[in-house]
Every structure is written in C-alpha cells, then in structure tokens.
Amino acid sequence: MNDAKISRFPTPQISDLPDDIRARILAVQEKSGFVPNVFLVLARRPDEFRAFFAYHDALMDKPGNLTKAEREMIVVATSNANQCQYCVVAHGAILRIRAKNPLIADQVAINYRKADITDRQKAMLDFAMKVALKAYAIGEDDLAALSAHGFSEEDAWDITAIAAFFGMSNRLANVTSMRPNDEFYMLGRT
C-alpha cells in the first residue's frame, strides 16, 4: 500500500464526520474492504458530499435502457478525455467488475473506437464524448444517431447527465489531486 497523500486539501477523520456520512463511508468500507479516497476528499464539505452522492446515485444506480456497465463506460471514456486519473482508475475497476471483463476498462479508456464493444456502445460513447468536449455542438443529427442504435430520448438524457456530472467530478478530482486507491488497480482483473 502506498502512504502518499490522497489530496492537496485536508481530509477529515471518519470519526469526526456527521453520522449519515460516517455511516455511508463505513458501509462502503465494509462492502469493498477499503474506503475510496473520493469519500474522504469530498467529506470535508458535508452538504456538498450529500448532494454529490445523491446525484451520483440517481444517475448510476437507476433502472433504464443503459446497463450499469454502459454507465461506467461513459465515465471511463469521458474521464480519460478530461485526463482524470482518479475516475479512470476507480471507475475502470467498477467497469471491469460490472462487465465481467478484465480488458474492457483499459480498451475504453485508451480508445473506445477500437475496444471490444458493440456498435451501439460506440455510438453511445461518441455522443458522450461530444457532450464532454463540445456540448455546444450537439444537434438533432447527434440525437438521430443515438436513435438509430435504439436509444430513446430518456437514454440521451442519461448519457448527457452522466457525462456532465463526471465532467464536474473530473475537475474536482484534478484540482484536489485526488489519488486513486491502490486497491482499484487490481479489482476485476482476475
């Protein structure tokens, strides 16, 4: 394990956190065996922590036409475009687990167009990348391209919201110098 600093900003002690935040962090620790650094970094501002994770959960845990693995693909591809080491590493681990594929996260992060994913998923990521990098240029033709692959208007909204939310998350992670937990690197690889 690496003892490097997890953020350029101070992080609180779990014991000093409000009860609801401490309970959430301890539940994640019990499930995964460690506390992802994002929880500790964001916990320094409890109201923002609650809002962040409420929106995260609303986007990533909801039922819909996008699988949980596809949602993670969006995070990994757009986070790589935003050069967010934390999110690529952490969500890459989640993608490997959800897709049950030890290779997929690296492929999607490096160049999703050459990844072993479906044409439908490539269309989804084309749209997500345009949202992440050139949202001002989104037009009807982009929505039509999604529709041609079976995506609904609601799916387009979900893809947009995930790419946009993680754009914010990527910026927070980059400015705080959020360090990925060492545990993430091997998850879902064997």
Protein backbone atom coordinates (compact mmCIF):
# COMPACT_ATOMS: atom_id res chain seq x y z
CA MET A 1 0.00 0.00 0.00
CA ASN A 2 1.13 3.50 -0.77
CA ASP A 3 1.06 6.10 2.01
CA ALA A 4 1.08 9.09 -0.37
CA LYS A 5 -1.24 11.97 0.36
CA ILE A 6 -4.71 11.45 -1.11
CA SER A 7 -5.50 15.14 -1.69
CA ARG A 8 -3.85 18.52 -1.66
CA PHE A 9 -6.67 19.63 0.68
CA PRO A 10 -7.05 18.38 4.26
CA THR A 11 -9.33 15.38 4.73
CA PRO A 12 -11.40 14.81 7.87
CA GLN A 13 -11.18 11.86 10.19
CA ILE A 14 -14.10 9.46 9.72
CA SER A 15 -14.86 9.69 13.44
CA ASP A 16 -15.37 13.47 13.13
CA LEU A 17 -17.97 13.26 10.34
CA PRO A 18 -21.75 13.69 10.67
CA ASP A 19 -23.50 10.40 11.45
CA ASP A 20 -25.07 9.93 7.99
CA ILE A 21 -21.80 10.49 6.14
CA ARG A 22 -19.83 8.30 8.54
CA ALA A 23 -22.43 5.53 8.15
CA ARG A 24 -22.24 5.71 4.35
CA ILE A 25 -18.45 5.59 4.34
CA LEU A 26 -18.34 2.67 6.77
CA ALA A 27 -20.91 0.77 4.68
CA VAL A 28 -18.75 1.25 1.57
CA GLN A 29 -15.69 0.15 3.53
CA GLU A 30 -17.47 -2.99 4.73
CA LYS A 31 -18.63 -3.87 1.20
CA SER A 32 -15.36 -3.15 -0.63
CA GLY A 33 -12.77 -3.68 2.06
CA PHE A 34 -11.42 -0.12 1.81
CA VAL A 35 -12.60 3.49 1.75
CA PRO A 36 -12.39 5.00 -1.74
CA ASN A 37 -10.49 8.26 -1.44
CA VAL A 38 -13.27 10.24 -3.12
CA PHE A 39 -15.39 9.76 0.01
CA LEU A 40 -12.71 11.19 2.28
CA VAL A 41 -11.82 14.08 -0.01
CA LEU A 42 -15.43 15.20 -0.51
CA ALA A 43 -16.42 14.65 3.14
CA ARG A 44 -14.61 17.87 4.09
CA ARG A 45 -17.81 19.64 2.95
CA PRO A 46 -20.75 17.59 4.24
CA ASP A 47 -23.54 19.39 2.35
CA GLU A 48 -21.67 19.07 -0.95
CA PHE A 49 -20.84 15.42 -0.17
CA ARG A 50 -24.55 14.66 0.29
CA ALA A 51 -25.54 16.48 -2.91
CA PHE A 52 -22.74 14.89 -4.93
CA PHE A 53 -23.55 11.33 -3.90
CA ALA A 54 -27.31 11.85 -4.19
CA TYR A 55 -26.88 12.88 -7.83
CA HIS A 56 -24.27 10.18 -8.44
CA ASP A 57 -26.65 7.52 -7.15
CA ALA A 58 -29.58 8.93 -9.12
CA LEU A 59 -27.55 8.63 -12.33
CA MET A 60 -25.59 5.45 -11.79
CA ASP A 61 -27.98 3.20 -9.84
CA LYS A 62 -31.27 3.80 -11.63
CA PRO A 63 -33.04 1.30 -13.83
CA GLY A 64 -33.19 2.03 -17.53
CA ASN A 65 -32.07 1.10 -21.00
CA LEU A 66 -28.39 1.68 -20.13
CA THR A 67 -26.75 -1.16 -18.23
CA LYS A 68 -24.63 -0.37 -15.20
CA ALA A 69 -21.57 -1.41 -17.22
CA GLU A 70 -22.53 1.02 -20.02
CA ARG A 71 -22.90 3.82 -17.49
CA GLU A 72 -19.38 3.05 -16.28
CA MET A 73 -18.12 3.04 -19.89
CA ILE A 74 -19.34 6.62 -20.20
CA VAL A 75 -17.48 7.58 -17.03
CA VAL A 76 -14.24 5.89 -18.11
CA ALA A 77 -14.20 7.29 -21.66
CA THR A 78 -15.11 10.87 -20.72
CA SER A 79 -12.85 10.87 -17.65
CA ASN A 80 -9.93 9.86 -19.85
CA ALA A 81 -10.76 12.75 -22.20
CA ASN A 82 -10.69 15.03 -19.15
CA GLN A 83 -7.40 13.46 -18.02
CA CYS A 84 -8.84 12.43 -14.66
CA GLN A 85 -6.62 9.72 -13.27
CA TYR A 86 -8.81 9.08 -10.23
CA CYS A 87 -12.03 8.49 -12.17
CA VAL A 88 -10.41 6.41 -14.92
CA VAL A 89 -8.76 4.13 -12.35
CA ALA A 90 -11.70 3.90 -9.91
CA HIS A 91 -14.48 3.61 -12.48
CA GLY A 92 -12.29 1.39 -14.64
CA ALA A 93 -12.29 -1.07 -11.75
CA ILE A 94 -16.06 -0.83 -11.44
CA LEU A 95 -16.43 -1.28 -15.22
CA ARG A 96 -14.28 -4.42 -15.18
CA ILE A 97 -16.42 -5.85 -12.39
CA ARG A 98 -19.78 -4.90 -13.91
CA ALA A 99 -18.83 -6.06 -17.41
CA LYS A 100 -17.10 -9.17 -16.05
CA ASN A 101 -14.26 -8.36 -18.45
CA PRO A 102 -10.70 -7.68 -17.26
CA LEU A 103 -9.73 -5.93 -20.52
CA ILE A 104 -12.64 -3.59 -21.19
CA ALA A 105 -11.71 -0.63 -18.98
CA ASP A 106 -8.25 -0.23 -20.50
CA GLN A 107 -9.68 -0.52 -24.01
CA VAL A 108 -12.42 2.05 -23.37
CA ALA A 109 -10.08 4.48 -21.64
CA ILE A 110 -7.39 4.36 -24.30
CA ASN A 111 -9.52 4.30 -27.46
CA TYR A 112 -13.12 3.13 -27.18
CA ARG A 113 -13.42 3.10 -31.00
CA LYS A 114 -11.07 0.10 -31.07
CA ALA A 115 -12.48 -1.54 -27.93
CA ASP A 116 -14.28 -4.86 -27.96
CA ILE A 117 -17.70 -3.25 -27.52
CA THR A 118 -20.81 -3.15 -29.68
CA ASP A 119 -21.55 -0.57 -32.36
CA ARG A 120 -24.42 0.57 -30.14
CA GLN A 121 -21.99 1.21 -27.28
CA LYS A 122 -19.60 3.05 -29.60
CA ALA A 123 -22.48 5.32 -30.69
CA MET A 124 -23.30 5.92 -27.02
CA LEU A 125 -19.68 6.86 -26.31
CA ASP A 126 -19.45 9.06 -29.43
CA PHE A 127 -22.39 11.04 -28.05
CA ALA A 128 -20.98 11.10 -24.50
CA MET A 129 -17.62 12.35 -25.75
CA LYS A 130 -19.29 15.13 -27.71
CA VAL A 131 -21.19 16.11 -24.56
CA ALA A 132 -17.93 16.08 -22.59
CA LEU A 133 -15.86 18.05 -25.11
CA LYS A 134 -18.21 20.00 -27.38
CA ALA A 135 -21.68 20.10 -25.80
CA TYR A 136 -22.37 23.38 -27.58
CA ALA A 137 -22.30 21.49 -30.90
CA ILE A 138 -24.90 18.83 -30.02
CA GLY A 139 -27.68 18.88 -32.60
CA GLU A 140 -30.57 16.85 -33.93
CA ASP A 141 -28.22 14.70 -36.01
CA ASP A 142 -26.48 13.54 -32.82
CA LEU A 143 -29.80 12.51 -31.31
CA ALA A 144 -30.78 10.79 -34.56
CA ALA A 145 -27.53 8.80 -34.50
CA LEU A 146 -28.39 7.60 -30.99
CA SER A 147 -31.94 6.78 -32.04
CA ALA A 148 -30.64 4.70 -34.95
CA HIS A 149 -28.95 2.48 -32.35
CA GLY A 150 -32.10 2.07 -30.28
CA PHE A 151 -31.52 4.81 -27.73
CA SER A 152 -34.55 6.79 -26.57
CA GLU A 153 -34.80 10.45 -25.62
CA GLU A 154 -34.53 9.39 -21.97
CA ASP A 155 -31.37 7.44 -22.77
CA ALA A 156 -29.89 10.54 -24.42
CA TRP A 157 -30.68 12.48 -21.25
CA ASP A 158 -28.99 9.80 -19.12
CA ILE A 159 -25.87 9.75 -21.30
CA THR A 160 -25.74 13.56 -21.18
CA ALA A 161 -26.23 13.74 -17.42
CA ILE A 162 -23.56 11.12 -16.71
CA ALA A 163 -21.01 12.81 -18.98
CA ALA A 164 -21.81 16.23 -17.50
CA PHE A 165 -21.78 15.09 -13.87
CA PHE A 166 -18.47 13.34 -14.27
CA GLY A 167 -17.06 16.40 -16.03
CA MET A 168 -17.61 18.18 -12.71
CA SER A 169 -16.25 15.22 -10.77
CA ASN A 170 -13.15 15.08 -13.01
CA ARG A 171 -12.44 18.73 -12.35
CA LEU A 172 -12.79 18.30 -8.58
CA ALA A 173 -10.54 15.25 -8.65
CA ASN A 174 -7.91 17.01 -10.76
CA VAL A 175 -7.82 20.21 -8.70
CA THR A 176 -7.71 18.32 -5.40
CA SER A 177 -5.04 15.95 -6.76
CA MET A 178 -7.24 13.07 -5.64
CA ARG A 179 -5.15 9.93 -5.60
CA PRO A 180 -6.72 6.63 -6.70
CA ASN A 181 -6.65 3.96 -4.02
CA ASP A 182 -4.07 1.27 -4.76
CA GLU A 183 -6.83 -1.35 -4.35
CA PHE A 184 -8.59 -0.16 -7.53
CA TYR A 185 -5.77 -1.18 -9.83
CA MET A 186 -6.27 -4.93 -9.46
CA LEU A 187 -10.05 -5.11 -9.00
CA GLY A 188 -11.80 -7.09 -11.72
CA ARG A 189 -8.60 -8.16 -13.44
CA THR A 190 -8.57 -11.83 -12.47
